Amino acid sequence: MNWTNETAAVHAQYSSLTGGRSFLHSAAFLCFQKLPRLASRAFSSSARQLKNKVPESQKIFQEDNGLPVHIKGGTGDVLLYRATMTLTIAGTCYSLYWLLIASFPQKKE
């Protein structure tokens, strides 16, 4: 008996047991029947998945240490602030350069 005959025999047995429904139809039906249960378990879980870090962040940002609030977050905030200022100043200078170039008439040859 080769693979196709075995598959056909299993399919025929399953089909007779399930009242004519195919194996694929039943498997898909069972898969989609379990889906709402799995989804509801994921959203109704009573255990916290992550630790609440808000109180720690509030302590850091409310300290009176003389730093502006946009730098209190640490090294990442300082680097982001410096990159933003560098790009802003470079963009302003580039705009002023092209405004200066555009304000003078072009030489005619």
Protein backbone atom coordinates (compact mmCIF):
# COMPACT_ATOMS: atom_id res chain seq x y z
CA MET A 1 0.00 0.00 0.00
CA ASN A 2 1.54 3.32 -1.01
CA TRP A 3 1.18 6.75 0.57
CA THR A 4 -1.84 7.84 -1.51
CA ASN A 5 -3.78 4.70 -0.76
CA GLU A 6 -3.07 5.04 2.98
CA THR A 7 -4.17 8.67 2.92
CA ALA A 8 -7.32 7.77 1.04
CA ALA A 9 -8.09 4.97 3.51
CA VAL A 10 -7.62 7.26 6.53
CA HIS A 11 -9.72 9.95 4.87
CA ALA A 12 -12.49 7.45 4.13
CA GLN A 13 -12.52 6.19 7.74
CA TYR A 14 -12.57 9.71 9.16
CA SER A 15 -15.22 10.79 6.70
CA SER A 16 -17.48 7.91 7.71
CA LEU A 17 -17.00 8.70 11.42
CA THR A 18 -17.74 12.41 11.07
CA GLY A 19 -20.81 12.07 8.91
CA GLY A 20 -19.23 12.97 5.58
CA ARG A 21 -17.25 16.04 6.64
CA SER A 22 -13.70 16.10 5.39
CA PHE A 23 -10.71 16.06 7.69
CA LEU A 24 -9.57 19.51 6.59
CA HIS A 25 -13.00 21.00 7.22
CA SER A 26 -13.12 19.53 10.73
CA ALA A 27 -9.56 20.54 11.55
CA ALA A 28 -10.18 24.11 10.42
CA PHE A 29 -13.43 24.21 12.35
CA LEU A 30 -11.72 23.01 15.55
CA CYS A 31 -8.89 25.49 15.06
CA PHE A 32 -11.26 28.44 14.69
CA GLN A 33 -13.43 27.17 17.54
CA LYS A 34 -10.46 27.40 19.93
CA LEU A 35 -9.41 30.86 18.73
CA PRO A 36 -11.90 32.94 20.79
CA ARG A 37 -10.98 31.03 23.95
CA LEU A 38 -7.29 31.66 23.42
CA ALA A 39 -7.88 35.34 22.69
CA SER A 40 -10.05 35.82 25.76
CA ARG A 41 -7.45 34.16 27.99
CA ALA A 42 -4.79 36.54 26.73
CA PHE A 43 -6.85 39.62 27.58
CA SER A 44 -8.49 38.45 30.80
CA SER A 45 -5.38 37.27 32.58
CA SER A 46 -5.27 38.55 36.14
CA ALA A 47 -1.48 38.39 36.50
CA ARG A 48 0.50 41.51 35.59
CA GLN A 49 2.77 40.95 32.64
CA LEU A 50 5.14 43.87 33.30
CA LYS A 51 6.27 45.72 36.39
CA ASN A 52 4.78 49.19 36.82
CA LYS A 53 7.70 51.62 36.41
CA VAL A 54 5.68 54.84 36.68
CA PRO A 55 6.41 55.54 40.39
CA GLU A 56 10.16 55.17 39.79
CA SER A 57 10.01 57.53 36.81
CA GLN A 58 7.98 60.03 38.82
CA LYS A 59 10.65 60.09 41.54
CA ILE A 60 13.39 60.71 38.96
CA PHE A 61 11.55 63.48 37.12
CA GLN A 62 10.29 65.25 40.27
CA GLU A 63 13.71 65.52 41.95
CA ASP A 64 14.91 69.09 42.42
CA ASN A 65 18.45 68.70 41.05
CA GLY A 66 18.60 71.77 38.81
CA LEU A 67 18.39 69.87 35.53
CA PRO A 68 15.78 70.76 32.94
CA VAL A 69 13.07 68.14 32.53
CA HIS A 70 14.15 67.23 28.98
CA ILE A 71 17.56 66.07 30.29
CA LYS A 72 16.48 64.25 33.47
CA GLY A 73 15.90 60.98 31.60
CA GLY A 74 19.61 60.20 31.37
CA THR A 75 22.20 59.77 28.64
CA GLY A 76 19.69 58.94 25.91
CA ASP A 77 17.82 62.17 26.54
CA VAL A 78 21.04 64.21 26.50
CA LEU A 79 22.12 62.65 23.19
CA LEU A 80 18.69 63.17 21.66
CA TYR A 81 18.68 66.81 22.81
CA ARG A 82 22.14 67.47 21.36
CA ALA A 83 21.30 65.78 18.05
CA THR A 84 18.10 67.82 17.80
CA MET A 85 19.92 71.08 18.51
CA THR A 86 22.69 70.24 16.02
CA LEU A 87 20.21 69.43 13.25
CA THR A 88 18.17 72.55 14.02
CA ILE A 89 21.19 74.87 13.89
CA ALA A 90 22.59 73.17 10.76
CA GLY A 91 19.21 73.41 9.02
CA THR A 92 18.84 77.08 9.94
CA CYS A 93 22.33 77.89 8.64
CA TYR A 94 21.67 75.96 5.42
CA SER A 95 18.40 77.83 4.89
CA LEU A 96 20.07 81.19 5.51
CA TYR A 97 22.87 80.28 3.08
CA TRP A 98 20.41 79.54 0.26
CA LEU A 99 18.39 82.63 1.10
CA LEU A 100 21.57 84.70 0.75
CA ILE A 101 22.44 83.00 -2.56
CA ALA A 102 18.92 83.59 -3.89
CA SER A 103 18.93 87.26 -2.88
CA PHE A 104 21.72 88.17 -5.32
CA PRO A 105 20.97 88.18 -9.06
CA GLN A 106 22.76 85.67 -11.26
CA LYS A 107 25.48 86.89 -13.58
CA LYS A 108 24.55 86.83 -17.25
CA GLU A 109 27.21 85.47 -19.56
